[in-house]
PDB file of N, CA and C in Angstrom:
ATOM      1  N   MET A   1     -66.193  -2.227 -34.386  1.00  0.00           N
ATOM      2  CA  MET A   1     -65.549  -2.422 -33.094  1.00  0.00           C
ATOM      3  C   MET A   1     -64.432  -1.402 -32.875  1.00  0.00           C
ATOM      4  N   TYR A   2     -63.868  -0.904 -33.991  1.00  0.00           N
ATOM      5  CA  TYR A   2     -62.806   0.088 -33.851  1.00  0.00           C
ATOM      6  C   TYR A   2     -63.319   1.374 -33.222  1.00  0.00           C
ATOM      7  N   ILE A   3     -64.577   1.706 -33.485  1.00  0.00           N
ATOM      8  CA  ILE A   3     -65.152   2.918 -32.907  1.00  0.00           C
ATOM      9  C   ILE A   3     -65.245   2.779 -31.392  1.00  0.00           C
ATOM     10  N   LEU A   4     -65.689   1.607 -30.916  1.00  0.00           N
ATOM     11  CA  LEU A   4     -65.782   1.370 -29.478  1.00  0.00           C
ATOM     12  C   LEU A   4     -64.397   1.397 -28.836  1.00  0.00           C
ATOM     13  N   ASP A   5     -63.427   0.754 -29.488  1.00  0.00           N
ATOM     14  CA  ASP A   5     -62.059   0.755 -28.957  1.00  0.00           C
ATOM     15  C   ASP A   5     -61.502   2.174 -28.863  1.00  0.00           C
ATOM     16  N   THR A   6     -61.755   2.976 -29.890  1.00  0.00           N
ATOM     17  CA  THR A   6     -61.277   4.354 -29.898  1.00  0.00           C
ATOM     18  C   THR A   6     -61.955   5.169 -28.793  1.00  0.00           C
ATOM     19  N   ALA A   7     -63.246   4.968 -28.623  1.00  0.00           N
ATOM     20  CA  ALA A   7     -63.978   5.692 -27.575  1.00  0.00           C
ATOM     21  C   ALA A   7     -63.469   5.309 -26.190  1.00  0.00           C
ATOM     22  N   VAL A   8     -63.245   4.016 -25.965  1.00  0.00           N
ATOM     23  CA  VAL A   8     -62.734   3.559 -24.666  1.00  0.00           C
ATOM     24  C   VAL A   8     -61.342   4.129 -24.420  1.00  0.00           C
ATOM     25  N   ALA A   9     -60.489   4.111 -25.435  1.00  0.00           N
ATOM     26  CA  ALA A   9     -59.143   4.666 -25.282  1.00  0.00           C
ATOM     27  C   ALA A   9     -59.206   6.164 -24.980  1.00  0.00           C
ATOM     28  N   PHE A  10     -60.101   6.877 -25.659  1.00  0.00           N
ATOM     29  CA  PHE A  10     -60.247   8.310 -25.418  1.00  0.00           C
ATOM     30  C   PHE A  10     -60.677   8.584 -23.980  1.00  0.00           C
ATOM     31  N   PHE A  11     -61.708   7.877 -23.521  1.00  0.00           N
ATOM     32  CA  PHE A  11     -62.204   8.127 -22.166  1.00  0.00           C
ATOM     33  C   PHE A  11     -61.217   7.641 -21.099  1.00  0.00           C
ATOM     34  N   ALA A  12     -60.516   6.544 -21.373  1.00  0.00           N
ATOM     35  CA  ALA A  12     -59.494   6.088 -20.429  1.00  0.00           C
ATOM     36  C   ALA A  12     -58.372   7.121 -20.343  1.00  0.00           C
ATOM     37  N   SER A  13     -58.003   7.694 -21.477  1.00  0.00           N
ATOM     38  CA  SER A  13     -56.969   8.735 -21.487  1.00  0.00           C
ATOM     39  C   SER A  13     -57.439   9.969 -20.737  1.00  0.00           C
ATOM     40  N   MET A  14     -58.700  10.341 -20.951  1.00  0.00           N
ATOM     41  CA  MET A  14     -59.250  11.504 -20.270  1.00  0.00           C
ATOM     42  C   MET A  14     -59.258  11.284 -18.755  1.00  0.00           C
ATOM     43  N   LEU A  15     -59.689  10.100 -18.314  1.00  0.00           N
ATOM     44  CA  LEU A  15     -59.714   9.800 -16.881  1.00  0.00           C
ATOM     45  C   LEU A  15     -58.305   9.741 -16.304  1.00  0.00           C
ATOM     46  N   ALA A  16     -57.378   9.168 -17.065  1.00  0.00           N
ATOM     47  CA  ALA A  16     -55.992   9.094 -16.598  1.00  0.00           C
ATOM     48  C   ALA A  16     -55.391  10.481 -16.440  1.00  0.00           C
ATOM     49  N   SER A  17     -55.734  11.391 -17.341  1.00  0.00           N
ATOM     50  CA  SER A  17     -55.189  12.747 -17.244  1.00  0.00           C
ATOM     51  C   SER A  17     -55.722  13.479 -16.023  1.00  0.00           C
ATOM     52  N   MET A  18     -56.877  13.056 -15.516  1.00  0.00           N
ATOM     53  CA  MET A  18     -57.443  13.668 -14.315  1.00  0.00           C
ATOM     54  C   MET A  18     -57.033  12.920 -13.056  1.00  0.00           C
ATOM     55  N   GLY A  19     -56.218  11.878 -13.209  1.00  0.00           N
ATOM     56  CA  GLY A  19     -55.732  11.137 -12.053  1.00  0.00           C
ATOM     57  C   GLY A  19     -56.702  10.099 -11.528  1.00  0.00           C
ATOM     58  N   VAL A  20     -57.684   9.708 -12.326  1.00  0.00           N
ATOM     59  CA  VAL A  20     -58.694   8.757 -11.868  1.00  0.00           C
ATOM     60  C   VAL A  20     -58.209   7.323 -11.991  1.00  0.00           C
ATOM     61  N   GLY A  21     -57.276   7.041 -12.849  1.00  0.00           N
ATOM     62  CA  GLY A  21     -56.811   5.673 -13.032  1.00  0.00           C
ATOM     63  C   GLY A  21     -57.359   5.048 -14.297  1.00  0.00           C
ATOM     64  N   GLY A  22     -57.362   5.818 -15.358  1.00  0.00           N
ATOM     65  CA  GLY A  22     -57.885   5.331 -16.629  1.00  0.00           C
ATOM     66  C   GLY A  22     -57.130   4.140 -17.170  1.00  0.00           C
ATOM     67  N   GLY A  23     -55.831   4.032 -16.824  1.00  0.00           N
ATOM     68  CA  GLY A  23     -55.051   2.883 -17.281  1.00  0.00           C
ATOM     69  C   GLY A  23     -55.585   1.585 -16.712  1.00  0.00           C
ATOM     70  N   GLY A  24     -55.964   1.608 -15.445  1.00  0.00           N
ATOM     71  CA  GLY A  24     -56.557   0.409 -14.838  1.00  0.00           C
ATOM     72  C   GLY A  24     -57.873   0.064 -15.490  1.00  0.00           C
ATOM     73  N   LEU A  25     -58.653   1.074 -15.834  1.00  0.00           N
ATOM     74  CA  LEU A  25     -59.916   0.830 -16.526  1.00  0.00           C
ATOM     75  C   LEU A  25     -59.673   0.269 -17.916  1.00  0.00           C
ATOM     76  N   LEU A  26     -58.615   0.718 -18.572  1.00  0.00           N
ATOM     77  CA  LEU A  26     -58.273   0.193 -19.892  1.00  0.00           C
ATOM     78  C   LEU A  26     -57.908  -1.288 -19.799  1.00  0.00           C
ATOM     79  N   VAL A  27     -57.170  -1.671 -18.771  1.00  0.00           N
ATOM     80  CA  VAL A  27     -56.808  -3.079 -18.594  1.00  0.00           C
ATOM     81  C   VAL A  27     -58.065  -3.928 -18.369  1.00  0.00           C
ATOM     82  N   ILE A  28     -58.983  -3.417 -17.562  1.00  0.00           N
ATOM     83  CA  ILE A  28     -60.231  -4.149 -17.323  1.00  0.00           C
ATOM     84  C   ILE A  28     -61.000  -4.319 -18.631  1.00  0.00           C
ATOM     85  N   TYR A  29     -61.084  -3.267 -19.435  1.00  0.00           N
ATOM     86  CA  TYR A  29     -61.775  -3.347 -20.719  1.00  0.00           C
ATOM     87  C   TYR A  29     -61.098  -4.371 -21.631  1.00  0.00           C
ATOM     88  N   LEU A  30     -59.773  -4.292 -21.712  1.00  0.00           N
ATOM     89  CA  LEU A  30     -59.060  -5.199 -22.612  1.00  0.00           C
ATOM     90  C   LEU A  30     -59.217  -6.656 -22.207  1.00  0.00           C
ATOM     91  N   THR A  31     -59.212  -6.935 -20.904  1.00  0.00           N
ATOM     92  CA  THR A  31     -59.308  -8.328 -20.467  1.00  0.00           C
ATOM     93  C   THR A  31     -60.739  -8.856 -20.497  1.00  0.00           C
ATOM     94  N   LEU A  32     -61.699  -8.059 -20.040  1.00  0.00           N
ATOM     95  CA  LEU A  32     -63.072  -8.557 -19.944  1.00  0.00           C
ATOM     96  C   LEU A  32     -63.849  -8.445 -21.252  1.00  0.00           C
ATOM     97  N   VAL A  33     -63.687  -7.364 -21.980  1.00  0.00           N
ATOM     98  CA  VAL A  33     -64.473  -7.157 -23.203  1.00  0.00           C
ATOM     99  C   VAL A  33     -63.746  -7.704 -24.431  1.00  0.00           C
ATOM    100  N   LYS A  34     -62.470  -7.396 -24.553  1.00  0.00           N
ATOM    101  CA  LYS A  34     -61.715  -7.803 -25.738  1.00  0.00           C
ATOM    102  C   LYS A  34     -61.103  -9.198 -25.626  1.00  0.00           C
ATOM    103  N   GLY A  35     -61.043  -9.743 -24.403  1.00  0.00           N
ATOM    104  CA  GLY A  35     -60.477 -11.078 -24.225  1.00  0.00           C
ATOM    105  C   GLY A  35     -58.960 -11.124 -24.339  1.00  0.00           C
ATOM    106  N   THR A  36     -58.314 -10.005 -24.127  1.00  0.00           N
ATOM    107  CA  THR A  36     -56.850  -9.940 -24.182  1.00  0.00           C
ATOM    108  C   THR A  36     -56.274 -10.608 -22.941  1.00  0.00           C
ATOM    109  N   GLU A  37     -55.177 -11.323 -23.120  1.00  0.00           N
ATOM    110  CA  GLU A  37     -54.498 -11.949 -21.989  1.00  0.00           C
ATOM    111  C   GLU A  37     -54.015 -10.858 -21.022  1.00  0.00           C
ATOM    112  N   GLN A  38     -54.004 -11.184 -19.732  1.00  0.00           N
ATOM    113  CA  GLN A  38     -53.689 -10.205 -18.674  1.00  0.00           C
ATOM    114  C   GLN A  38     -52.363  -9.492 -18.917  1.00  0.00           C
ATOM    115  N   LEU A  39     -51.301 -10.242 -19.164  1.00  0.00           N
ATOM    116  CA  LEU A  39     -49.989  -9.610 -19.354  1.00  0.00           C
ATOM    117  C   LEU A  39     -49.949  -8.778 -20.626  1.00  0.00           C
ATOM    118  N   GLY A  40     -50.645  -9.220 -21.653  1.00  0.00           N
ATOM    119  CA  GLY A  40     -50.726  -8.439 -22.885  1.00  0.00           C
ATOM    120  C   GLY A  40     -51.456  -7.130 -22.655  1.00  0.00           C
ATOM    121  N   ALA A  41     -52.543  -7.179 -21.883  1.00  0.00           N
ATOM    122  CA  ALA A  41     -53.303  -5.969 -21.573  1.00  0.00           C
ATOM    123  C   ALA A  41     -52.460  -5.000 -20.759  1.00  0.00           C
ATOM    124  N   GLN A  42     -51.671  -5.522 -19.834  1.00  0.00           N
ATOM    125  CA  GLN A  42     -50.807  -4.641 -19.044  1.00  0.00           C
ATOM    126  C   GLN A  42     -49.725  -4.024 -19.918  1.00  0.00           C
ATOM    127  N   GLY A  43     -49.208  -4.778 -20.876  1.00  0.00           N
ATOM    128  CA  GLY A  43     -48.214  -4.233 -21.804  1.00  0.00           C
ATOM    129  C   GLY A  43     -48.803  -3.134 -22.675  1.00  0.00           C
ATOM    130  N   ILE A  44     -50.024  -3.358 -23.175  1.00  0.00           N
ATOM    131  CA  ILE A  44     -50.704  -2.335 -23.962  1.00  0.00           C
ATOM    132  C   ILE A  44     -50.931  -1.093 -23.108  1.00  0.00           C
ATOM    133  N   ASN A  45     -51.286  -1.311 -21.840  1.00  0.00           N
ATOM    134  CA  ASN A  45     -51.522  -0.190 -20.934  1.00  0.00           C
ATOM    135  C   ASN A  45     -50.244   0.630 -20.718  1.00  0.00           C
ATOM    136  N   LEU A  46     -49.112  -0.035 -20.589  1.00  0.00           N
ATOM    137  CA  LEU A  46     -47.850   0.689 -20.430  1.00  0.00           C
ATOM    138  C   LEU A  46     -47.527   1.499 -21.684  1.00  0.00           C
ATOM    139  N   PHE A  47     -47.762   0.902 -22.843  1.00  0.00           N
ATOM    140  CA  PHE A  47     -47.541   1.610 -24.103  1.00  0.00           C
ATOM    141  C   PHE A  47     -48.488   2.803 -24.213  1.00  0.00           C
ATOM    142  N   PHE A  48     -49.733   2.604 -23.815  1.00  0.00           N
ATOM    143  CA  PHE A  48     -50.755   3.644 -23.807  1.00  0.00           C
ATOM    144  C   PHE A  48     -50.332   4.795 -22.896  1.00  0.00           C
ATOM    145  N   PHE A  49     -49.720   4.466 -21.767  1.00  0.00           N
ATOM    146  CA  PHE A  49     -49.294   5.460 -20.793  1.00  0.00           C
ATOM    147  C   PHE A  49     -48.252   6.415 -21.377  1.00  0.00           C
ATOM    148  N   LEU A  50     -47.392   5.923 -22.255  1.00  0.00           N
ATOM    149  CA  LEU A  50     -46.349   6.765 -22.832  1.00  0.00           C
ATOM    150  C   LEU A  50     -46.923   7.955 -23.579  1.00  0.00           C
ATOM    151  N   PHE A  51     -48.051   7.759 -24.243  1.00  0.00           N
ATOM    152  CA  PHE A  51     -48.637   8.836 -25.039  1.00  0.00           C
ATOM    153  C   PHE A  51     -49.255   9.922 -24.170  1.00  0.00           C
ATOM    154  N   GLY A  52     -49.555   9.609 -22.924  1.00  0.00           N
ATOM    155  CA  GLY A  52     -50.022  10.637 -22.002  1.00  0.00           C
ATOM    156  C   GLY A  52     -48.898  11.215 -21.170  1.00  0.00           C
ATOM    157  N   ALA A  53     -47.903  10.387 -20.859  1.00  0.00           N
ATOM    158  CA  ALA A  53     -46.808  10.822 -19.996  1.00  0.00           C
ATOM    159  C   ALA A  53     -45.863  11.787 -20.715  1.00  0.00           C
ATOM    160  N   PHE A  54     -45.612  11.547 -21.977  1.00  0.00           N
ATOM    161  CA  PHE A  54     -44.655  12.400 -22.691  1.00  0.00           C
ATOM    162  C   PHE A  54     -45.153  13.838 -22.812  1.00  0.00           C
ATOM    163  N   PRO A  55     -46.400  14.074 -23.258  1.00  0.00           N
ATOM    164  CA  PRO A  55     -46.861  15.472 -23.294  1.00  0.00           C
ATOM    165  C   PRO A  55     -46.908  16.112 -21.901  1.00  0.00           C
ATOM    166  N   ALA A  56     -47.294  15.337 -20.890  1.00  0.00           N
ATOM    167  CA  ALA A  56     -47.334  15.878 -19.524  1.00  0.00           C
ATOM    168  C   ALA A  56     -45.932  16.279 -19.073  1.00  0.00           C
ATOM    169  N   MET A  57     -44.942  15.453 -19.396  1.00  0.00           N
ATOM    170  CA  MET A  57     -43.570  15.770 -19.033  1.00  0.00           C
ATOM    171  C   MET A  57     -43.106  17.049 -19.738  1.00  0.00           C
ATOM    172  N   CYS A  58     -43.455  17.198 -20.997  1.00  0.00           N
ATOM    173  CA  CYS A  58     -43.068  18.403 -21.733  1.00  0.00           C
ATOM    174  C   CYS A  58     -43.688  19.649 -21.111  1.00  0.00           C
ATOM    175  N   VAL A  59     -44.955  19.566 -20.721  1.00  0.00           N
ATOM    176  CA  VAL A  59     -45.623  20.709 -20.091  1.00  0.00           C
ATOM    177  C   VAL A  59     -44.950  21.056 -18.768  1.00  0.00           C
ATOM    178  N   HIS A  60     -44.659  20.036 -17.960  1.00  0.00           N
ATOM    179  CA  HIS A  60     -44.027  20.281 -16.662  1.00  0.00           C
ATOM    180  C   HIS A  60     -42.603  20.818 -16.820  1.00  0.00           C
ATOM    181  N   LEU A  61     -41.875  20.344 -17.820  1.00  0.00           N
ATOM    182  CA  LEU A  61     -40.545  20.898 -18.075  1.00  0.00           C
ATOM    183  C   LEU A  61     -40.650  22.363 -18.499  1.00  0.00           C
ATOM    184  N   PHE A  62     -41.617  22.664 -19.351  1.00  0.00           N
ATOM    185  CA  PHE A  62     -41.812  24.028 -19.818  1.00  0.00           C
ATOM    186  C   PHE A  62     -42.178  24.955 -18.663  1.00  0.00           C
ATOM    187  N   LYS A  63     -42.989  24.484 -17.742  1.00  0.00           N
ATOM    188  CA  LYS A  63     -43.413  25.299 -16.600  1.00  0.00           C
ATOM    189  C   LYS A  63     -42.411  25.241 -15.446  1.00  0.00           C
ATOM    190  N   ARG A  64     -41.322  24.508 -15.643  1.00  0.00           N
ATOM    191  CA  ARG A  64     -40.263  24.358 -14.636  1.00  0.00           C
ATOM    192  C   ARG A  64     -40.793  23.811 -13.318  1.00  0.00           C
ATOM    193  N   LYS A  65     -41.604  22.783 -13.415  1.00  0.00           N
ATOM    194  CA  LYS A  65     -42.175  22.157 -12.231  1.00  0.00           C
ATOM    195  C   LYS A  65     -41.490  20.834 -11.892  1.00  0.00           C
ATOM    196  N   ILE A  66     -40.405  20.515 -12.592  1.00  0.00           N
ATOM    197  CA  ILE A  66     -39.680  19.268 -12.344  1.00  0.00           C
ATOM    198  C   ILE A  66     -38.379  19.601 -11.637  1.00  0.00           C
ATOM    199  N   ASN A  67     -38.172  18.968 -10.483  1.00  0.00           N
ATOM    200  CA  ASN A  67     -36.956  19.150  -9.702  1.00  0.00           C
ATOM    201  C   ASN A  67     -35.892  18.208 -10.275  1.00  0.00           C
ATOM    202  N   ALA A  68     -34.940  18.763 -10.999  1.00  0.00           N
ATOM    203  CA  ALA A  68     -33.926  17.951 -11.667  1.00  0.00           C
ATOM    204  C   ALA A  68     -33.061  17.186 -10.673  1.00  0.00           C
ATOM    205  N   GLY A  69     -32.892  17.698  -9.451  1.00  0.00           N
ATOM    206  CA  GLY A  69     -32.063  17.021  -8.454  1.00  0.00           C
ATOM    207  C   GLY A  69     -32.629  15.691  -8.004  1.00  0.00           C
ATOM    208  N   ILE A  70     -33.926  15.555  -8.044  1.00  0.00           N
ATOM    209  CA  ILE A  70     -34.543  14.305  -7.621  1.00  0.00           C
ATOM    210  C   ILE A  70     -34.917  13.418  -8.803  1.00  0.00           C
ATOM    211  N   LEU A  71     -34.878  13.978 -10.014  1.00  0.00           N
ATOM    212  CA  LEU A  71     -35.269  13.239 -11.206  1.00  0.00           C
ATOM    213  C   LEU A  71     -34.364  12.037 -11.468  1.00  0.00           C
ATOM    214  N   ILE A  72     -33.062  12.197 -11.361  1.00  0.00           N
ATOM    215  CA  ILE A  72     -32.128  11.104 -11.653  1.00  0.00           C
ATOM    216  C   ILE A  72     -32.286   9.950 -10.667  1.00  0.00           C
ATOM    217  N   PRO A  73     -32.351  10.188  -9.338  1.00  0.00           N
ATOM    218  CA  PRO A  73     -32.586   9.055  -8.433  1.00  0.00           C
ATOM    219  C   PRO A  73     -33.933   8.369  -8.687  1.00  0.00           C
ATOM    220  N   LEU A  74     -34.956   9.144  -9.000  1.00  0.00           N
ATOM    221  CA  LEU A  74     -36.259   8.532  -9.295  1.00  0.00           C
ATOM    222  C   LEU A  74     -36.184   7.648 -10.532  1.00  0.00           C
ATOM    223  N   CYS A  75     -35.496   8.111 -11.563  1.00  0.00           N
ATOM    224  CA  CYS A  75     -35.329   7.299 -12.773  1.00  0.00           C
ATOM    225  C   CYS A  75     -34.543   6.029 -12.474  1.00  0.00           C
ATOM    226  N   PHE A  76     -33.484   6.161 -11.705  1.00  0.00           N
ATOM    227  CA  PHE A  76     -32.664   4.995 -11.360  1.00  0.00           C
ATOM    228  C   PHE A  76     -33.491   3.944 -10.615  1.00  0.00           C
ATOM    229  N   PHE A  77     -34.195   4.377  -9.559  1.00  0.00           N
ATOM    230  CA  PHE A  77     -34.976   3.421  -8.784  1.00  0.00           C
ATOM    231  C   PHE A  77     -36.189   2.913  -9.562  1.00  0.00           C
ATOM    232  N   GLY A  78     -36.707   3.725 -10.464  1.00  0.00           N
ATOM    233  CA  GLY A  78     -37.811   3.273 -11.308  1.00  0.00           C
ATOM    234  C   GLY A  78     -37.374   2.146 -12.231  1.00  0.00           C
ATOM    235  N   VAL A  79     -36.220   2.302 -12.853  1.00  0.00           N
ATOM    236  CA  VAL A  79     -35.696   1.245 -13.732  1.00  0.00           C
ATOM    237  C   VAL A  79     -35.343   0.007 -12.919  1.00  0.00           C
ATOM    238  N   ALA A  80     -34.711   0.192 -11.760  1.00  0.00           N
ATOM    239  CA  ALA A  80     -34.362  -0.950 -10.906  1.00  0.00           C
ATOM    240  C   ALA A  80     -35.623  -1.688 -10.448  1.00  0.00           C
ATOM    241  N   GLY A  81     -36.657  -0.945 -10.067  1.00  0.00           N
ATOM    242  CA  GLY A  81     -37.910  -1.567  -9.641  1.00  0.00           C
ATOM    243  C   GLY A  81     -38.590  -2.311 -10.778  1.00  0.00           C
ATOM    244  N   THR A  82     -38.498  -1.758 -11.981  1.00  0.00           N
ATOM    245  CA  THR A  82     -39.076  -2.421 -13.145  1.00  0.00           C
ATOM    246  C   THR A  82     -38.368  -3.739 -13.425  1.00  0.00           C
ATOM    247  N   LEU A  83     -37.049  -3.731 -13.385  1.00  0.00           N
ATOM    248  CA  LEU A  83     -36.293  -4.963 -13.624  1.00  0.00           C
ATOM    249  C   LEU A  83     -36.575  -6.003 -12.546  1.00  0.00           C
ATOM    250  N   PHE A  84     -36.656  -5.563 -11.287  1.00  0.00           N
ATOM    251  CA  PHE A  84     -36.970  -6.479 -10.193  1.00  0.00           C
ATOM    252  C   PHE A  84     -38.378  -7.057 -10.371  1.00  0.00           C
ATOM    253  N   GLY A  85     -39.345  -6.202 -10.709  1.00  0.00           N
ATOM    254  CA  GLY A  85     -40.716  -6.661 -10.919  1.00  0.00           C
ATOM    255  C   GLY A  85     -40.818  -7.640 -12.070  1.00  0.00           C
ATOM    256  N   TYR A  86     -40.077  -7.397 -13.134  1.00  0.00           N
ATOM    257  CA  TYR A  86     -40.078  -8.321 -14.265  1.00  0.00           C
ATOM    258  C   TYR A  86     -39.495  -9.671 -13.852  1.00  0.00           C
ATOM    259  N   PHE A  87     -38.417  -9.646 -13.079  1.00  0.00           N
ATOM    260  CA  PHE A  87     -37.815 -10.894 -12.612  1.00  0.00           C
ATOM    261  C   PHE A  87     -38.797 -11.683 -11.744  1.00  0.00           C
ATOM    262  N   VAL A  88     -39.470 -11.011 -10.828  1.00  0.00           N
ATOM    263  CA  VAL A  88     -40.452 -11.680  -9.964  1.00  0.00           C
ATOM    264  C   VAL A  88     -41.609 -12.204 -10.803  1.00  0.00           C
ATOM    265  N   MET A  89     -42.027 -11.443 -11.812  1.00  0.00           N
ATOM    266  CA  MET A  89     -43.132 -11.856 -12.668  1.00  0.00           C
ATOM    267  C   MET A  89     -42.823 -13.160 -13.403  1.00  0.00           C
ATOM    268  N   THR A  90     -41.562 -13.357 -13.788  1.00  0.00           N
ATOM    269  CA  THR A  90     -41.214 -14.585 -14.508  1.00  0.00           C
ATOM    270  C   THR A  90     -41.257 -15.806 -13.599  1.00  0.00           C
ATOM    271  N   LEU A  91     -41.193 -15.601 -12.282  1.00  0.00           N
ATOM    272  CA  LEU A  91     -41.210 -16.721 -11.343  1.00  0.00           C
ATOM    273  C   LEU A  91     -42.613 -17.131 -10.900  1.00  0.00           C
ATOM    274  N   LEU A  92     -43.592 -16.230 -11.054  1.00  0.00           N
ATOM    275  CA  LEU A  92     -44.939 -16.484 -10.553  1.00  0.00           C
ATOM    276  C   LEU A  92     -45.851 -16.985 -11.670  1.00  0.00           C
ATOM    277  N   PRO A  93     -46.838 -17.829 -11.315  1.00  0.00           N
ATOM    278  CA  PRO A  93     -47.795 -18.282 -12.328  1.00  0.00           C
ATOM    279  C   PRO A  93     -48.691 -17.129 -12.799  1.00  0.00           C
ATOM    280  N   ARG A  94     -49.116 -17.186 -14.051  1.00  0.00           N
ATOM    281  CA  ARG A  94     -49.920 -16.106 -14.638  1.00  0.00           C
ATOM    282  C   ARG A  94     -51.252 -15.929 -13.918  1.00  0.00           C
ATOM    283  N   ALA A  95     -51.849 -17.008 -13.471  1.00  0.00           N
ATOM    284  CA  ALA A  95     -53.140 -16.900 -12.776  1.00  0.00           C
ATOM    285  C   ALA A  95     -52.985 -16.081 -11.493  1.00  0.00           C
ATOM    286  N   LEU A  96     -51.899 -16.302 -10.768  1.00  0.00           N
ATOM    287  CA  LEU A  96     -51.649 -15.549  -9.544  1.00  0.00           C
ATOM    288  C   LEU A  96     -51.420 -14.071  -9.844  1.00  0.00           C
ATOM    289  N   LEU A  97     -50.714 -13.774 -10.940  1.00  0.00           N
ATOM    290  CA  LEU A  97     -50.484 -12.380 -11.323  1.00  0.00           C
ATOM    291  C   LEU A  97     -51.797 -11.678 -11.645  1.00  0.00           C
ATOM    292  N   GLY A  98     -52.682 -12.373 -12.343  1.00  0.00           N
ATOM    293  CA  GLY A  98     -53.975 -11.785 -12.674  1.00  0.00           C
ATOM    294  C   GLY A  98     -54.799 -11.497 -11.432  1.00  0.00           C
ATOM    295  N   LYS A  99     -54.809 -12.431 -10.492  1.00  0.00           N
ATOM    296  CA  LYS A  99     -55.560 -12.223  -9.246  1.00  0.00           C
ATOM    297  C   LYS A  99     -54.934 -11.117  -8.403  1.00  0.00           C
ATOM    298  N   ALA A 100     -53.612 -11.056  -8.366  1.00  0.00           N
ATOM    299  CA  ALA A 100     -52.932 -10.011  -7.606  1.00  0.00           C
ATOM    300  C   ALA A 100     -53.220  -8.639  -8.215  1.00  0.00           C
ATOM    301  N   PHE A 101     -53.229  -8.546  -9.538  1.00  0.00           N
ATOM    302  CA  PHE A 101     -53.520  -7.273 -10.185  1.00  0.00           C
ATOM    303  C   PHE A 101     -54.968  -6.859  -9.928  1.00  0.00           C
ATOM    304  N   GLY A 102     -55.884  -7.813  -9.976  1.00  0.00           N
ATOM    305  CA  GLY A 102     -57.286  -7.518  -9.667  1.00  0.00           C
ATOM    306  C   GLY A 102     -57.460  -7.037  -8.240  1.00  0.00           C
ATOM    307  N   ALA A 103     -56.749  -7.669  -7.315  1.00  0.00           N
ATOM    308  CA  ALA A 103     -56.810  -7.246  -5.912  1.00  0.00           C
ATOM    309  C   ALA A 103     -56.226  -5.846  -5.754  1.00  0.00           C
ATOM    310  N   LEU A 104     -55.146  -5.548  -6.465  1.00  0.00           N
ATOM    311  CA  LEU A 104     -54.552  -4.216  -6.415  1.00  0.00           C
ATOM    312  C   LEU A 104     -55.537  -3.160  -6.905  1.00  0.00           C
ATOM    313  N   LEU A 105     -56.227  -3.445  -8.003  1.00  0.00           N
ATOM    314  CA  LEU A 105     -57.220  -2.502  -8.520  1.00  0.00           C
ATOM    315  C   LEU A 105     -58.364  -2.310  -7.528  1.00  0.00           C
ATOM    316  N   LEU A 106     -58.798  -3.398  -6.916  1.00  0.00           N
ATOM    317  CA  LEU A 106     -59.904  -3.321  -5.963  1.00  0.00           C
ATOM    318  C   LEU A 106     -59.515  -2.494  -4.735  1.00  0.00           C
ATOM    319  N   VAL A 107     -58.350  -2.779  -4.172  1.00  0.00           N
ATOM    320  CA  VAL A 107     -57.892  -2.058  -2.982  1.00  0.00           C
ATOM    321  C   VAL A 107     -57.667  -0.580  -3.294  1.00  0.00           C
ATOM    322  N   SER A 108     -57.024  -0.299  -4.435  1.00  0.00           N
ATOM    323  CA  SER A 108     -56.781   1.118  -4.771  1.00  0.00           C
ATOM    324  C   SER A 108     -58.100   1.843  -5.051  1.00  0.00           C
ATOM    325  N   GLY A 109     -59.071   1.163  -5.614  1.00  0.00           N
ATOM    326  CA  GLY A 109     -60.376   1.778  -5.835  1.00  0.00           C
ATOM    327  C   GLY A 109     -61.102   2.085  -4.545  1.00  0.00           C
ATOM    328  N   VAL A 110     -61.042   1.152  -3.583  1.00  0.00           N
ATOM    329  CA  VAL A 110     -61.683   1.372  -2.295  1.00  0.00           C
ATOM    330  C   VAL A 110     -60.995   2.512  -1.551  1.00  0.00           C
ATOM    331  N   ILE A 111     -59.669   2.551  -1.585  1.00  0.00           N
ATOM    332  CA  ILE A 111     -58.932   3.640  -0.930  1.00  0.00           C
ATOM    333  C   ILE A 111     -59.299   4.978  -1.554  1.00  0.00           C
ATOM    334  N   ALA A 112     -59.343   5.021  -2.892  1.00  0.00           N
ATOM    335  CA  ALA A 112     -59.692   6.275  -3.567  1.00  0.00           C
ATOM    336  C   ALA A 112     -61.120   6.698  -3.263  1.00  0.00           C
ATOM    337  N   LEU A 113     -61.986   5.727  -3.071  1.00  0.00           N
ATOM    338  CA  LEU A 113     -63.388   6.034  -2.792  1.00  0.00           C
ATOM    339  C   LEU A 113     -63.568   6.692  -1.433  1.00  0.00           C
ATOM    340  N   PHE A 114     -62.804   6.224  -0.430  1.00  0.00           N
ATOM    341  CA  PHE A 114     -62.977   6.726   0.920  1.00  0.00           C
ATOM    342  C   PHE A 114     -61.963   7.779   1.329  1.00  0.00           C
ATOM    343  N   LYS A 115     -60.970   8.048   0.509  1.00  0.00           N
ATOM    344  CA  LYS A 115     -59.959   9.050   0.835  1.00  0.00           C
ATOM    345  C   LYS A 115     -60.509  10.444   0.546  1.00  0.00           C
ATOM    346  N   LYS A 116     -60.217  11.374   1.437  1.00  0.00           N
ATOM    347  CA  LYS A 116     -60.712  12.741   1.246  1.00  0.00           C
ATOM    348  C   LYS A 116     -59.821  13.506   0.308  1.00  0.00           C
TER     349      LYS A 116
END
């Protein structure tokens, strides 16, 4: 089973690097195939994202493609949004969170399918 998990992680990483949304596919795999709880799968996905985001950030810093003037406000609002989202998550039932996440994946997939 480790071979399948490694292959799925590799292909999800490859798709994520191309902007396809491999992280969402990883969550679907973890919940439907592996039986991982929804919030656990999302946590694994966030951890998984770090291993792709850090090298990408290093490349963009090296190529000077990051605007430092906007980086600090983006980080501030990103952390604030994360804390707000976590607070809201603690108030909502887990079943509703799972359905909302599924709806988000469905809507974003349909938009990506029809967007030029």
